[in-house]
Amino acid sequence: DGKVHRPDLFHLLDDLRPDFRWLISGPTSSGSAFHIDPNATNAWNLPIRGSKLWIFYPPGVCPPGVRVLGDGEEVVM
């Protein structure tokens, strides 16, 4: 309606628009394993209550116990 939601700018991407949209919620102490997002997507993360801990590694450095397979599309632990 434009009053609450801003215009959907994904329409500017035409065929390059990401295939998926997600809304993920979880309980206290939840999280995800190391992964590579599909389709070159990215995300906004917003804790509604509490805090979130992020661990970043420099490009090309794999976390201990993590292997990237093939051309980087799959991660195994």
C-alpha atoms as a PDB file:
ATOM      1  CA  ASP A   1       0.000   0.000   0.000  1.00  0.00           C
ATOM      2  CA  GLY A   2       3.011   2.334   0.144  1.00  0.00           C
ATOM      3  CA  LYS A   3       2.174   3.605   3.626  1.00  0.00           C
ATOM      4  CA  VAL A   4       3.838   0.764   5.508  1.00  0.00           C
ATOM      5  CA  HIS A   5       5.924  -1.013   2.867  1.00  0.00           C
ATOM      6  CA  ARG A   6       8.341   0.674   0.509  1.00  0.00           C
ATOM      7  CA  PRO A   7       8.138  -0.219  -3.218  1.00  0.00           C
ATOM      8  CA  ASP A   8       9.559  -3.592  -4.203  1.00  0.00           C
ATOM      9  CA  LEU A   9      12.791  -2.636  -5.987  1.00  0.00           C
ATOM     10  CA  PHE A  10      13.456  -6.241  -7.048  1.00  0.00           C
ATOM     11  CA  HIS A  11      11.274  -5.571 -10.115  1.00  0.00           C
ATOM     12  CA  LEU A  12      14.205  -3.541 -11.498  1.00  0.00           C
ATOM     13  CA  LEU A  13      16.257  -6.756 -11.786  1.00  0.00           C
ATOM     14  CA  ASP A  14      13.885  -8.480 -14.245  1.00  0.00           C
ATOM     15  CA  ASP A  15      15.373 -11.970 -14.902  1.00  0.00           C
ATOM     16  CA  LEU A  16      18.133 -11.429 -12.323  1.00  0.00           C
ATOM     17  CA  ARG A  17      15.631 -11.283  -9.455  1.00  0.00           C
ATOM     18  CA  PRO A  18      16.499 -13.866  -6.752  1.00  0.00           C
ATOM     19  CA  ASP A  19      14.363 -17.010  -6.891  1.00  0.00           C
ATOM     20  CA  PHE A  20      13.601 -17.132  -3.184  1.00  0.00           C
ATOM     21  CA  ARG A  21      12.705 -14.941  -0.242  1.00  0.00           C
ATOM     22  CA  TRP A  22      12.959 -16.127   3.332  1.00  0.00           C
ATOM     23  CA  LEU A  23      11.727 -15.178   6.755  1.00  0.00           C
ATOM     24  CA  ILE A  24      13.490 -17.200   9.410  1.00  0.00           C
ATOM     25  CA  SER A  25      12.866 -17.088  13.135  1.00  0.00           C
ATOM     26  CA  GLY A  26      14.239 -19.179  15.936  1.00  0.00           C
ATOM     27  CA  PRO A  27      14.278 -19.689  19.676  1.00  0.00           C
ATOM     28  CA  THR A  28      16.973 -18.591  22.115  1.00  0.00           C
ATOM     29  CA  SER A  29      20.473 -19.834  21.208  1.00  0.00           C
ATOM     30  CA  SER A  30      19.442 -20.872  17.695  1.00  0.00           C
ATOM     31  CA  GLY A  31      21.682 -20.382  14.680  1.00  0.00           C
ATOM     32  CA  SER A  32      22.870 -21.964  11.468  1.00  0.00           C
ATOM     33  CA  ALA A  33      25.876 -23.953  10.353  1.00  0.00           C
ATOM     34  CA  PHE A  34      28.410 -22.375   8.000  1.00  0.00           C
ATOM     35  CA  HIS A  35      26.849 -22.118   4.562  1.00  0.00           C
ATOM     36  CA  ILE A  36      26.942 -20.313   1.241  1.00  0.00           C
ATOM     37  CA  ASP A  37      23.719 -18.529   0.346  1.00  0.00           C
ATOM     38  CA  PRO A  38      22.168 -19.732  -2.937  1.00  0.00           C
ATOM     39  CA  ASN A  39      21.724 -17.547  -6.013  1.00  0.00           C
ATOM     40  CA  ALA A  40      24.096 -14.850  -4.734  1.00  0.00           C
ATOM     41  CA  THR A  41      21.439 -13.755  -2.248  1.00  0.00           C
ATOM     42  CA  ASN A  42      22.077 -11.741   0.846  1.00  0.00           C
ATOM     43  CA  ALA A  43      20.081 -11.033   3.957  1.00  0.00           C
ATOM     44  CA  TRP A  44      19.175  -8.507   6.589  1.00  0.00           C
ATOM     45  CA  ASN A  45      19.344  -9.885  10.099  1.00  0.00           C
ATOM     46  CA  LEU A  46      17.466  -8.288  12.947  1.00  0.00           C
ATOM     47  CA  PRO A  47      17.307  -9.715  16.455  1.00  0.00           C
ATOM     48  CA  ILE A  48      13.924  -8.705  17.863  1.00  0.00           C
ATOM     49  CA  ARG A  49      15.152  -9.336  21.386  1.00  0.00           C
ATOM     50  CA  GLY A  50      18.649 -10.083  22.681  1.00  0.00           C
ATOM     51  CA  SER A  51      21.785 -10.134  20.524  1.00  0.00           C
ATOM     52  CA  LYS A  52      23.408 -12.091  17.714  1.00  0.00           C
ATOM     53  CA  LEU A  53      27.037 -13.178  17.474  1.00  0.00           C
ATOM     54  CA  TRP A  54      28.656 -13.203  14.029  1.00  0.00           C
ATOM     55  CA  ILE A  55      31.996 -14.760  13.129  1.00  0.00           C
ATOM     56  CA  PHE A  56      33.664 -13.529   9.942  1.00  0.00           C
ATOM     57  CA  TYR A  57      36.657 -15.036   8.171  1.00  0.00           C
ATOM     58  CA  PRO A  58      38.737 -13.263   5.529  1.00  0.00           C
ATOM     59  CA  PRO A  59      37.968 -14.161   1.893  1.00  0.00           C
ATOM     60  CA  GLY A  60      39.583 -17.455   0.937  1.00  0.00           C
ATOM     61  CA  VAL A  61      39.978 -18.659   4.547  1.00  0.00           C
ATOM     62  CA  CYS A  62      37.832 -21.623   5.548  1.00  0.00           C
ATOM     63  CA  PRO A  63      36.775 -21.998   9.185  1.00  0.00           C
ATOM     64  CA  PRO A  64      38.289 -25.021  10.993  1.00  0.00           C
ATOM     65  CA  GLY A  65      36.418 -28.205  10.063  1.00  0.00           C
ATOM     66  CA  VAL A  66      34.693 -26.678   7.022  1.00  0.00           C
ATOM     67  CA  ARG A  67      35.428 -27.621   3.395  1.00  0.00           C
ATOM     68  CA  VAL A  68      34.180 -25.868   0.291  1.00  0.00           C
ATOM     69  CA  LEU A  69      33.505 -28.281  -2.587  1.00  0.00           C
ATOM     70  CA  GLY A  70      33.766 -27.774  -6.335  1.00  0.00           C
ATOM     71  CA  ASP A  71      33.431 -24.208  -7.493  1.00  0.00           C
ATOM     72  CA  GLY A  72      32.324 -23.023  -4.054  1.00  0.00           C
ATOM     73  CA  GLU A  73      28.638 -23.844  -4.273  1.00  0.00           C
ATOM     74  CA  GLU A  74      28.639 -26.409  -1.471  1.00  0.00           C
ATOM     75  CA  VAL A  75      30.006 -26.437   2.074  1.00  0.00           C
ATOM     76  CA  VAL A  76      30.546 -29.591   4.122  1.00  0.00           C
ATOM     77  CA  MET A  77      31.467 -29.936   7.770  1.00  0.00           C
END
